[in-house]
PDB file of N, CA and C in Angstrom:
ATOM      1  N   MET A   1     -43.222  72.911 217.798  1.00  0.00           N
ATOM      2  CA  MET A   1     -42.545  73.340 219.001  1.00  0.00           C
ATOM      3  C   MET A   1     -43.464  73.220 220.209  1.00  0.00           C
ATOM      4  N   ASN A   2     -44.784  73.279 219.992  1.00  0.00           N
ATOM      5  CA  ASN A   2     -45.715  73.172 221.105  1.00  0.00           C
ATOM      6  C   ASN A   2     -45.704  71.783 221.738  1.00  0.00           C
ATOM      7  N   ALA A   3     -45.253  70.785 221.033  1.00  0.00           N
ATOM      8  CA  ALA A   3     -45.227  69.436 221.581  1.00  0.00           C
ATOM      9  C   ALA A   3     -44.147  69.302 222.658  1.00  0.00           C
ATOM     10  N   LEU A   4     -43.082  70.084 222.571  1.00  0.00           N
ATOM     11  CA  LEU A   4     -41.994  69.995 223.528  1.00  0.00           C
ATOM     12  C   LEU A   4     -42.179  70.900 224.734  1.00  0.00           C
ATOM     13  N   ILE A   5     -42.827  72.034 224.550  1.00  0.00           N
ATOM     14  CA  ILE A   5     -43.000  72.993 225.627  1.00  0.00           C
ATOM     15  C   ILE A   5     -44.489  73.191 225.882  1.00  0.00           C
ATOM     16  N   PRO A   6     -44.950  72.793 227.051  1.00  0.00           N
ATOM     17  CA  PRO A   6     -46.381  72.984 227.323  1.00  0.00           C
ATOM     18  C   PRO A   6     -46.699  74.469 227.513  1.00  0.00           C
ATOM     19  N   GLU A   7     -47.912  74.840 227.180  1.00  0.00           N
ATOM     20  CA  GLU A   7     -48.319  76.225 227.336  1.00  0.00           C
ATOM     21  C   GLU A   7     -48.606  76.508 228.800  1.00  0.00           C
ATOM     22  N   ALA A   8     -48.270  77.716 229.225  1.00  0.00           N
ATOM     23  CA  ALA A   8     -48.506  78.124 230.606  1.00  0.00           C
ATOM     24  C   ALA A   8     -49.758  78.980 230.659  1.00  0.00           C
ATOM     25  N   TYR A   9     -50.647  78.655 231.549  1.00  0.00           N
ATOM     26  CA  TYR A   9     -51.874  79.416 231.722  1.00  0.00           C
ATOM     27  C   TYR A   9     -51.862  80.057 233.106  1.00  0.00           C
ATOM     28  N   ALA A  10     -52.377  81.256 233.200  1.00  0.00           N
ATOM     29  CA  ALA A  10     -52.477  81.936 234.476  1.00  0.00           C
ATOM     30  C   ALA A  10     -53.565  81.271 235.296  1.00  0.00           C
ATOM     31  N   GLN A  11     -53.324  81.085 236.559  1.00  0.00           N
ATOM     32  CA  GLN A  11     -54.304  80.451 237.431  1.00  0.00           C
ATOM     33  C   GLN A  11     -55.063  81.529 238.182  1.00  0.00           C
ATOM     34  N   ALA A  12     -56.342  81.334 238.323  1.00  0.00           N
ATOM     35  CA  ALA A  12     -57.168  82.316 239.012  1.00  0.00           C
ATOM     36  C   ALA A  12     -56.953  82.253 240.514  1.00  0.00           C
ATOM     37  N   ALA A  13     -56.808  81.061 241.071  1.00  0.00           N
ATOM     38  CA  ALA A  13     -56.625  80.909 242.507  1.00  0.00           C
ATOM     39  C   ALA A  13     -55.144  81.020 242.847  1.00  0.00           C
ATOM     40  N   GLY A  14     -54.843  81.370 244.085  1.00  0.00           N
ATOM     41  CA  GLY A  14     -53.459  81.462 244.533  1.00  0.00           C
ATOM     42  C   GLY A  14     -52.849  80.078 244.670  1.00  0.00           C
ATOM     43  N   ALA A  15     -51.566  80.046 244.863  1.00  0.00           N
ATOM     44  CA  ALA A  15     -50.859  78.777 245.011  1.00  0.00           C
ATOM     45  C   ALA A  15     -51.296  78.102 246.300  1.00  0.00           C
ATOM     46  N   SER A  16     -51.382  76.803 246.265  1.00  0.00           N
ATOM     47  CA  SER A  16     -51.807  76.063 247.446  1.00  0.00           C
ATOM     48  C   SER A  16     -50.707  76.101 248.500  1.00  0.00           C
ATOM     49  N   PRO A  17     -51.090  76.195 249.772  1.00  0.00           N
ATOM     50  CA  PRO A  17     -50.057  76.215 250.816  1.00  0.00           C
ATOM     51  C   PRO A  17     -49.339  74.863 250.852  1.00  0.00           C
ATOM     52  N   GLY A  18     -48.052  74.905 250.961  1.00  0.00           N
ATOM     53  CA  GLY A  18     -47.268  73.672 250.968  1.00  0.00           C
ATOM     54  C   GLY A  18     -46.871  73.228 249.574  1.00  0.00           C
ATOM     55  N   GLY A  19     -47.454  73.782 248.567  1.00  0.00           N
ATOM     56  CA  GLY A  19     -47.115  73.410 247.203  1.00  0.00           C
ATOM     57  C   GLY A  19     -45.730  73.865 246.808  1.00  0.00           C
ATOM     58  N   SER A  20     -45.264  74.932 247.414  1.00  0.00           N
ATOM     59  CA  SER A  20     -43.937  75.430 247.083  1.00  0.00           C
ATOM     60  C   SER A  20     -42.844  74.636 247.799  1.00  0.00           C
ATOM     61  N   PHE A  21     -43.220  73.852 248.806  1.00  0.00           N
ATOM     62  CA  PHE A  21     -42.238  73.052 249.535  1.00  0.00           C
ATOM     63  C   PHE A  21     -42.053  71.659 248.946  1.00  0.00           C
ATOM     64  N   ALA A  22     -42.884  71.268 248.034  1.00  0.00           N
ATOM     65  CA  ALA A  22     -42.799  69.919 247.463  1.00  0.00           C
ATOM     66  C   ALA A  22     -41.465  69.667 246.756  1.00  0.00           C
ATOM     67  N   PRO A  23     -40.974  70.571 245.907  1.00  0.00           N
ATOM     68  CA  PRO A  23     -39.665  70.309 245.281  1.00  0.00           C
ATOM     69  C   PRO A  23     -38.528  70.257 246.294  1.00  0.00           C
ATOM     70  N   LEU A  24     -38.612  71.118 247.307  1.00  0.00           N
ATOM     71  CA  LEU A  24     -37.581  71.111 248.338  1.00  0.00           C
ATOM     72  C   LEU A  24     -37.616  69.806 249.132  1.00  0.00           C
ATOM     73  N   LEU A  25     -38.801  69.353 249.443  1.00  0.00           N
ATOM     74  CA  LEU A  25     -38.957  68.095 250.167  1.00  0.00           C
ATOM     75  C   LEU A  25     -38.427  66.919 249.350  1.00  0.00           C
ATOM     76  N   MET A  26     -38.715  66.905 248.064  1.00  0.00           N
ATOM     77  CA  MET A  26     -38.213  65.818 247.205  1.00  0.00           C
ATOM     78  C   MET A  26     -36.686  65.822 247.150  1.00  0.00           C
ATOM     79  N   MET A  27     -36.085  67.011 247.097  1.00  0.00           N
ATOM     80  CA  MET A  27     -34.629  67.102 247.060  1.00  0.00           C
ATOM     81  C   MET A  27     -34.021  66.564 248.353  1.00  0.00           C
ATOM     82  N   VAL A  28     -34.622  66.894 249.480  1.00  0.00           N
ATOM     83  CA  VAL A  28     -34.135  66.397 250.762  1.00  0.00           C
ATOM     84  C   VAL A  28     -34.256  64.872 250.825  1.00  0.00           C
ATOM     85  N   VAL A  29     -35.367  64.339 250.348  1.00  0.00           N
ATOM     86  CA  VAL A  29     -35.562  62.885 250.334  1.00  0.00           C
ATOM     87  C   VAL A  29     -34.506  62.212 249.473  1.00  0.00           C
ATOM     88  N   PHE A  30     -34.204  62.780 248.303  1.00  0.00           N
ATOM     89  CA  PHE A  30     -33.182  62.201 247.430  1.00  0.00           C
ATOM     90  C   PHE A  30     -31.800  62.260 248.075  1.00  0.00           C
ATOM     91  N   ILE A  31     -31.493  63.326 248.767  1.00  0.00           N
ATOM     92  CA  ILE A  31     -30.192  63.441 249.429  1.00  0.00           C
ATOM     93  C   ILE A  31     -30.070  62.402 250.538  1.00  0.00           C
ATOM     94  N   VAL A  32     -31.137  62.191 251.310  1.00  0.00           N
ATOM     95  CA  VAL A  32     -31.112  61.191 252.378  1.00  0.00           C
ATOM     96  C   VAL A  32     -30.942  59.788 251.797  1.00  0.00           C
ATOM     97  N   ILE A  33     -31.668  59.483 250.736  1.00  0.00           N
ATOM     98  CA  ILE A  33     -31.536  58.175 250.086  1.00  0.00           C
ATOM     99  C   ILE A  33     -30.118  57.990 249.537  1.00  0.00           C
ATOM    100  N   PHE A  34     -29.585  59.015 248.895  1.00  0.00           N
ATOM    101  CA  PHE A  34     -28.229  58.974 248.346  1.00  0.00           C
ATOM    102  C   PHE A  34     -27.213  58.720 249.460  1.00  0.00           C
ATOM    103  N   TYR A  35     -27.400  59.366 250.607  1.00  0.00           N
ATOM    104  CA  TYR A  35     -26.480  59.195 251.730  1.00  0.00           C
ATOM    105  C   TYR A  35     -26.497  57.757 252.239  1.00  0.00           C
ATOM    106  N   PHE A  36     -27.699  57.219 252.479  1.00  0.00           N
ATOM    107  CA  PHE A  36     -27.781  55.878 253.058  1.00  0.00           C
ATOM    108  C   PHE A  36     -27.433  54.770 252.078  1.00  0.00           C
ATOM    109  N   LEU A  37     -27.603  54.974 250.787  1.00  0.00           N
ATOM    110  CA  LEU A  37     -27.304  53.914 249.820  1.00  0.00           C
ATOM    111  C   LEU A  37     -25.889  53.985 249.248  1.00  0.00           C
ATOM    112  N   LEU A  38     -25.272  55.166 249.223  1.00  0.00           N
ATOM    113  CA  LEU A  38     -23.957  55.286 248.595  1.00  0.00           C
ATOM    114  C   LEU A  38     -22.861  55.771 249.535  1.00  0.00           C
ATOM    115  N   ILE A  39     -23.070  56.873 250.200  1.00  0.00           N
ATOM    116  CA  ILE A  39     -21.996  57.501 250.969  1.00  0.00           C
ATOM    117  C   ILE A  39     -21.674  56.720 252.240  1.00  0.00           C
ATOM    118  N   ARG A  40     -22.669  56.379 253.025  1.00  0.00           N
ATOM    119  CA  ARG A  40     -22.450  55.704 254.304  1.00  0.00           C
ATOM    120  C   ARG A  40     -21.775  54.340 254.146  1.00  0.00           C
ATOM    121  N   PRO A  41     -22.232  53.466 253.231  1.00  0.00           N
ATOM    122  CA  PRO A  41     -21.531  52.182 253.075  1.00  0.00           C
ATOM    123  C   PRO A  41     -20.080  52.334 252.620  1.00  0.00           C
ATOM    124  N   GLN A  42     -19.819  53.332 251.778  1.00  0.00           N
ATOM    125  CA  GLN A  42     -18.453  53.538 251.308  1.00  0.00           C
ATOM    126  C   GLN A  42     -17.555  54.002 252.457  1.00  0.00           C
ATOM    127  N   GLN A  43     -18.053  54.869 253.331  1.00  0.00           N
ATOM    128  CA  GLN A  43     -17.277  55.312 254.485  1.00  0.00           C
ATOM    129  C   GLN A  43     -17.022  54.153 255.447  1.00  0.00           C
ATOM    130  N   LYS A  44     -18.007  53.292 255.624  1.00  0.00           N
ATOM    131  CA  LYS A  44     -17.853  52.139 256.518  1.00  0.00           C
ATOM    132  C   LYS A  44     -16.786  51.185 255.983  1.00  0.00           C
ATOM    133  N   LYS A  45     -16.804  50.946 254.681  1.00  0.00           N
ATOM    134  CA  LYS A  45     -15.815  50.063 254.062  1.00  0.00           C
ATOM    135  C   LYS A  45     -14.413  50.657 254.176  1.00  0.00           C
ATOM    136  N   ALA A  46     -14.295  51.973 254.010  1.00  0.00           N
ATOM    137  CA  ALA A  46     -12.989  52.630 254.121  1.00  0.00           C
ATOM    138  C   ALA A  46     -12.448  52.521 255.544  1.00  0.00           C
ATOM    139  N   LYS A  47     -13.312  52.663 256.556  1.00  0.00           N
ATOM    140  CA  LYS A  47     -12.873  52.520 257.946  1.00  0.00           C
ATOM    141  C   LYS A  47     -12.399  51.099 258.230  1.00  0.00           C
ATOM    142  N   GLU A  48     -13.110  50.096 257.708  1.00  0.00           N
ATOM    143  CA  GLU A  48     -12.704  48.703 257.904  1.00  0.00           C
ATOM    144  C   GLU A  48     -11.356  48.435 257.239  1.00  0.00           C
ATOM    145  N   HIS A  49     -11.138  49.008 256.054  1.00  0.00           N
ATOM    146  CA  HIS A  49      -9.867  48.822 255.342  1.00  0.00           C
ATOM    147  C   HIS A  49      -8.725  49.475 256.118  1.00  0.00           C
ATOM    148  N   GLN A  50      -8.949  50.672 256.661  1.00  0.00           N
ATOM    149  CA  GLN A  50      -7.913  51.345 257.453  1.00  0.00           C
ATOM    150  C   GLN A  50      -7.582  50.533 258.709  1.00  0.00           C
ATOM    151  N   ALA A  51      -8.593  49.967 259.352  1.00  0.00           N
ATOM    152  CA  ALA A  51      -8.357  49.148 260.544  1.00  0.00           C
ATOM    153  C   ALA A  51      -7.567  47.896 260.196  1.00  0.00           C
ATOM    154  N   MET A  52      -7.877  47.278 259.059  1.00  0.00           N
ATOM    155  CA  MET A  52      -7.148  46.090 258.621  1.00  0.00           C
ATOM    156  C   MET A  52      -5.685  46.442 258.330  1.00  0.00           C
ATOM    157  N   LEU A  53      -5.439  47.572 257.680  1.00  0.00           N
ATOM    158  CA  LEU A  53      -4.070  47.981 257.375  1.00  0.00           C
ATOM    159  C   LEU A  53      -3.284  48.294 258.642  1.00  0.00           C
ATOM    160  N   ALA A  54      -3.950  48.821 259.650  1.00  0.00           N
ATOM    161  CA  ALA A  54      -3.267  49.171 260.896  1.00  0.00           C
ATOM    162  C   ALA A  54      -2.793  47.934 261.659  1.00  0.00           C
ATOM    163  N   LYS A  55      -3.488  46.812 261.505  1.00  0.00           N
ATOM    164  CA  LYS A  55      -3.106  45.622 262.269  1.00  0.00           C
ATOM    165  C   LYS A  55      -2.236  44.644 261.491  1.00  0.00           C
ATOM    166  N   ILE A  56      -1.811  44.991 260.282  1.00  0.00           N
ATOM    167  CA  ILE A  56      -0.926  44.106 259.514  1.00  0.00           C
ATOM    168  C   ILE A  56       0.439  44.040 260.185  1.00  0.00           C
ATOM    169  N   ALA A  57       0.953  42.827 260.333  1.00  0.00           N
ATOM    170  CA  ALA A  57       2.259  42.610 260.948  1.00  0.00           C
ATOM    171  C   ALA A  57       3.052  41.625 260.098  1.00  0.00           C
ATOM    172  N   ALA A  58       4.348  41.549 260.363  1.00  0.00           N
ATOM    173  CA  ALA A  58       5.205  40.610 259.646  1.00  0.00           C
ATOM    174  C   ALA A  58       4.710  39.192 259.908  1.00  0.00           C
ATOM    175  N   GLY A  59       4.668  38.386 258.851  1.00  0.00           N
ATOM    176  CA  GLY A  59       4.204  37.007 258.957  1.00  0.00           C
ATOM    177  C   GLY A  59       2.781  36.817 258.474  1.00  0.00           C
ATOM    178  N   ASP A  60       2.027  37.897 258.330  1.00  0.00           N
ATOM    179  CA  ASP A  60       0.663  37.802 257.801  1.00  0.00           C
ATOM    180  C   ASP A  60       0.706  37.508 256.311  1.00  0.00           C
ATOM    181  N   GLU A  61      -0.290  36.807 255.832  1.00  0.00           N
ATOM    182  CA  GLU A  61      -0.401  36.530 254.400  1.00  0.00           C
ATOM    183  C   GLU A  61      -1.513  37.413 253.840  1.00  0.00           C
ATOM    184  N   VAL A  62      -1.191  38.084 252.709  1.00  0.00           N
ATOM    185  CA  VAL A  62      -2.087  39.108 252.168  1.00  0.00           C
ATOM    186  C   VAL A  62      -2.256  38.951 250.663  1.00  0.00           C
ATOM    187  N   VAL A  63      -3.287  39.616 250.146  1.00  0.00           N
ATOM    188  CA  VAL A  63      -3.522  39.726 248.711  1.00  0.00           C
ATOM    189  C   VAL A  63      -3.510  41.213 248.382  1.00  0.00           C
ATOM    190  N   THR A  64      -2.802  41.584 247.311  1.00  0.00           N
ATOM    191  CA  THR A  64      -2.745  42.986 246.906  1.00  0.00           C
ATOM    192  C   THR A  64      -3.810  43.277 245.850  1.00  0.00           C
ATOM    193  N   ALA A  65      -3.981  44.553 245.550  1.00  0.00           N
ATOM    194  CA  ALA A  65      -4.962  44.967 244.541  1.00  0.00           C
ATOM    195  C   ALA A  65      -4.589  44.422 243.163  1.00  0.00           C
ATOM    196  N   GLY A  66      -3.321  44.183 242.915  1.00  0.00           N
ATOM    197  CA  GLY A  66      -2.878  43.636 241.641  1.00  0.00           C
ATOM    198  C   GLY A  66      -2.998  42.125 241.555  1.00  0.00           C
ATOM    199  N   GLY A  67      -3.395  41.483 242.665  1.00  0.00           N
ATOM    200  CA  GLY A  67      -3.581  40.039 242.655  1.00  0.00           C
ATOM    201  C   GLY A  67      -2.401  39.253 243.176  1.00  0.00           C
ATOM    202  N   LEU A  68      -1.379  39.919 243.680  1.00  0.00           N
ATOM    203  CA  LEU A  68      -0.234  39.200 244.235  1.00  0.00           C
ATOM    204  C   LEU A  68      -0.589  38.616 245.589  1.00  0.00           C
ATOM    205  N   LEU A  69      -0.210  37.365 245.790  1.00  0.00           N
ATOM    206  CA  LEU A  69      -0.428  36.672 247.052  1.00  0.00           C
ATOM    207  C   LEU A  69       0.933  36.452 247.681  1.00  0.00           C
ATOM    208  N   GLY A  70       1.094  36.885 248.920  1.00  0.00           N
ATOM    209  CA  GLY A  70       2.403  36.732 249.540  1.00  0.00           C
ATOM    210  C   GLY A  70       2.360  36.894 251.034  1.00  0.00           C
ATOM    211  N   LYS A  71       3.541  36.736 251.630  1.00  0.00           N
ATOM    212  CA  LYS A  71       3.708  36.831 253.071  1.00  0.00           C
ATOM    213  C   LYS A  71       4.416  38.146 253.393  1.00  0.00           C
ATOM    214  N   VAL A  72       3.899  38.878 254.353  1.00  0.00           N
ATOM    215  CA  VAL A  72       4.480  40.160 254.746  1.00  0.00           C
ATOM    216  C   VAL A  72       5.787  39.902 255.473  1.00  0.00           C
ATOM    217  N   VAL A  73       6.835  40.571 254.996  1.00  0.00           N
ATOM    218  CA  VAL A  73       8.154  40.425 255.599  1.00  0.00           C
ATOM    219  C   VAL A  73       8.479  41.637 256.459  1.00  0.00           C
ATOM    220  N   GLU A  74       8.137  42.815 255.944  1.00  0.00           N
ATOM    221  CA  GLU A  74       8.462  44.057 256.644  1.00  0.00           C
ATOM    222  C   GLU A  74       7.317  45.043 256.453  1.00  0.00           C
ATOM    223  N   VAL A  75       6.972  45.746 257.531  1.00  0.00           N
ATOM    224  CA  VAL A  75       5.897  46.735 257.471  1.00  0.00           C
ATOM    225  C   VAL A  75       6.489  48.098 257.790  1.00  0.00           C
ATOM    226  N   GLY A  76       6.274  49.041 256.868  1.00  0.00           N
ATOM    227  CA  GLY A  76       6.734  50.408 257.084  1.00  0.00           C
ATOM    228  C   GLY A  76       5.552  51.342 257.231  1.00  0.00           C
ATOM    229  N   GLU A  77       5.848  52.639 257.225  1.00  0.00           N
ATOM    230  CA  GLU A  77       4.795  53.643 257.366  1.00  0.00           C
ATOM    231  C   GLU A  77       3.862  53.651 256.161  1.00  0.00           C
ATOM    232  N   THR A  78       4.429  53.690 254.954  1.00  0.00           N
ATOM    233  CA  THR A  78       3.602  53.727 253.741  1.00  0.00           C
ATOM    234  C   THR A  78       3.849  52.544 252.818  1.00  0.00           C
ATOM    235  N   PHE A  79       4.962  51.840 253.004  1.00  0.00           N
ATOM    236  CA  PHE A  79       5.290  50.703 252.143  1.00  0.00           C
ATOM    237  C   PHE A  79       5.396  49.424 252.965  1.00  0.00           C
ATOM    238  N   THR A  80       5.109  48.314 252.307  1.00  0.00           N
ATOM    239  CA  THR A  80       5.191  46.991 252.920  1.00  0.00           C
ATOM    240  C   THR A  80       5.953  46.076 251.977  1.00  0.00           C
ATOM    241  N   THR A  81       6.852  45.279 252.528  1.00  0.00           N
ATOM    242  CA  THR A  81       7.600  44.318 251.723  1.00  0.00           C
ATOM    243  C   THR A  81       6.912  42.969 251.835  1.00  0.00           C
ATOM    244  N   ILE A  82       6.604  42.382 250.657  1.00  0.00           N
ATOM    245  CA  ILE A  82       5.902  41.107 250.605  1.00  0.00           C
ATOM    246  C   ILE A  82       6.782  40.099 249.876  1.00  0.00           C
ATOM    247  N   GLU A  83       6.901  38.903 250.436  1.00  0.00           N
ATOM    248  CA  GLU A  83       7.643  37.828 249.786  1.00  0.00           C
ATOM    249  C   GLU A  83       6.637  36.978 249.016  1.00  0.00           C
ATOM    250  N   ILE A  84       6.744  36.999 247.678  1.00  0.00           N
ATOM    251  CA  ILE A  84       5.769  36.284 246.851  1.00  0.00           C
ATOM    252  C   ILE A  84       6.267  34.911 246.424  1.00  0.00           C
ATOM    253  N   ALA A  85       7.567  34.666 246.563  1.00  0.00           N
ATOM    254  CA  ALA A  85       8.174  33.355 246.300  1.00  0.00           C
ATOM    255  C   ALA A  85       9.464  33.299 247.116  1.00  0.00           C
ATOM    256  N   ASP A  86      10.119  32.138 247.154  1.00  0.00           N
ATOM    257  CA  ASP A  86      11.356  32.028 247.917  1.00  0.00           C
ATOM    258  C   ASP A  86      12.392  32.991 247.352  1.00  0.00           C
ATOM    259  N   GLY A  87      12.805  33.953 248.164  1.00  0.00           N
ATOM    260  CA  GLY A  87      13.823  34.918 247.753  1.00  0.00           C
ATOM    261  C   GLY A  87      13.315  36.050 246.871  1.00  0.00           C
ATOM    262  N   VAL A  88      12.042  36.082 246.550  1.00  0.00           N
ATOM    263  CA  VAL A  88      11.490  37.149 245.709  1.00  0.00           C
ATOM    264  C   VAL A  88      10.642  38.057 246.593  1.00  0.00           C
ATOM    265  N   ARG A  89      11.143  39.254 246.795  1.00  0.00           N
ATOM    266  CA  ARG A  89      10.444  40.226 247.640  1.00  0.00           C
ATOM    267  C   ARG A  89      10.024  41.427 246.816  1.00  0.00           C
ATOM    268  N   VAL A  90       8.826  41.891 247.078  1.00  0.00           N
ATOM    269  CA  VAL A  90       8.258  43.018 246.350  1.00  0.00           C
ATOM    270  C   VAL A  90       7.836  44.065 247.370  1.00  0.00           C
ATOM    271  N   LYS A  91       8.171  45.312 247.088  1.00  0.00           N
ATOM    272  CA  LYS A  91       7.762  46.401 247.963  1.00  0.00           C
ATOM    273  C   LYS A  91       6.528  47.049 247.344  1.00  0.00           C
ATOM    274  N   VAL A  92       5.428  47.080 248.090  1.00  0.00           N
ATOM    275  CA  VAL A  92       4.172  47.655 247.602  1.00  0.00           C
ATOM    276  C   VAL A  92       3.694  48.729 248.576  1.00  0.00           C
ATOM    277  N   GLN A  93       2.862  49.616 248.066  1.00  0.00           N
ATOM    278  CA  GLN A  93       2.265  50.615 248.942  1.00  0.00           C
ATOM    279  C   GLN A  93       1.271  49.915 249.860  1.00  0.00           C
ATOM    280  N   LYS A  94       1.221  50.365 251.076  1.00  0.00           N
ATOM    281  CA  LYS A  94       0.418  49.687 252.089  1.00  0.00           C
ATOM    282  C   LYS A  94      -1.071  49.672 251.738  1.00  0.00           C
ATOM    283  N   PHE A  95      -1.581  50.743 251.159  1.00  0.00           N
ATOM    284  CA  PHE A  95      -3.011  50.801 250.855  1.00  0.00           C
ATOM    285  C   PHE A  95      -3.405  49.880 249.710  1.00  0.00           C
ATOM    286  N   GLN A  96      -2.433  49.318 248.989  1.00  0.00           N
ATOM    287  CA  GLN A  96      -2.728  48.387 247.902  1.00  0.00           C
ATOM    288  C   GLN A  96      -3.065  46.983 248.417  1.00  0.00           C
ATOM    289  N   ILE A  97      -2.849  46.738 249.694  1.00  0.00           N
ATOM    290  CA  ILE A  97      -3.218  45.450 250.280  1.00  0.00           C
ATOM    291  C   ILE A  97      -4.731  45.446 250.465  1.00  0.00           C
ATOM    292  N   THR A  98      -5.396  44.478 249.832  1.00  0.00           N
ATOM    293  CA  THR A  98      -6.856  44.467 249.867  1.00  0.00           C
ATOM    294  C   THR A  98      -7.424  43.556 250.947  1.00  0.00           C
ATOM    295  N   SER A  99      -6.738  42.456 251.253  1.00  0.00           N
ATOM    296  CA  SER A  99      -7.293  41.553 252.265  1.00  0.00           C
ATOM    297  C   SER A  99      -6.215  40.685 252.892  1.00  0.00           C
ATOM    298  N   LEU A 100      -6.506  40.245 254.096  1.00  0.00           N
ATOM    299  CA  LEU A 100      -5.686  39.253 254.778  1.00  0.00           C
ATOM    300  C   LEU A 100      -6.267  37.880 254.457  1.00  0.00           C
ATOM    301  N   VAL A 101      -5.410  36.899 254.276  1.00  0.00           N
ATOM    302  CA  VAL A 101      -5.875  35.544 254.011  1.00  0.00           C
ATOM    303  C   VAL A 101      -5.397  34.647 255.151  1.00  0.00           C
ATOM    304  N   PRO A 102      -6.036  33.507 255.363  1.00  0.00           N
ATOM    305  CA  PRO A 102      -5.620  32.597 256.440  1.00  0.00           C
ATOM    306  C   PRO A 102      -4.192  32.094 256.247  1.00  0.00           C
ATOM    307  N   LYS A 103      -3.539  31.806 257.347  1.00  0.00           N
ATOM    308  CA  LYS A 103      -2.164  31.292 257.304  1.00  0.00           C
ATOM    309  C   LYS A 103      -2.146  29.969 256.547  1.00  0.00           C
ATOM    310  N   GLY A 104      -1.111  29.768 255.724  1.00  0.00           N
ATOM    311  CA  GLY A 104      -0.981  28.551 254.930  1.00  0.00           C
ATOM    312  C   GLY A 104      -1.533  28.672 253.523  1.00  0.00           C
ATOM    313  N   THR A 105      -2.146  29.794 253.216  1.00  0.00           N
ATOM    314  CA  THR A 105      -2.717  29.986 251.868  1.00  0.00           C
ATOM    315  C   THR A 105      -1.623  30.088 250.823  1.00  0.00           C
ATOM    316  N   VAL A 106      -0.503  30.703 251.166  1.00  0.00           N
ATOM    317  CA  VAL A 106       0.595  30.868 250.199  1.00  0.00           C
ATOM    318  C   VAL A 106       1.174  29.514 249.822  1.00  0.00           C
ATOM    319  N   LYS A 107       1.328  28.622 250.768  1.00  0.00           N
ATOM    320  CA  LYS A 107       1.892  27.297 250.476  1.00  0.00           C
ATOM    321  C   LYS A 107       0.950  26.457 249.631  1.00  0.00           C
ATOM    322  N   SER A 108      -0.354  26.607 249.851  1.00  0.00           N
ATOM    323  CA  SER A 108      -1.313  25.792 249.093  1.00  0.00           C
ATOM    324  C   SER A 108      -1.573  26.338 247.690  1.00  0.00           C
ATOM    325  N   ALA A 109      -1.203  27.585 247.439  1.00  0.00           N
ATOM    326  CA  ALA A 109      -1.468  28.183 246.114  1.00  0.00           C
ATOM    327  C   ALA A 109      -0.411  27.828 245.100  1.00  0.00           C
TER     328      ALA A 109
END
């Protein structure tokens, strides 16, 4: 059991000044790194996606999260109607649209 738990010995001298702040400082550093590497880029991507969804209009060609490629026929508050083939229209939730593609992509696909 001694191999897993090191023995604690009493120290004659007092704790060094600033030694008690080291764990707190490390935690703050990890939180800052976590923010800049994970949280901030995800928030930026979400803002760009919201801006893209706000400017979608009828006639735009889009790709959905499920991989459907089509032309926007009607834009509603939460749903969008996409024409994926001649006479075939699908109603999808607006947030499922992942990207806009250049005009003419539907005809070439």
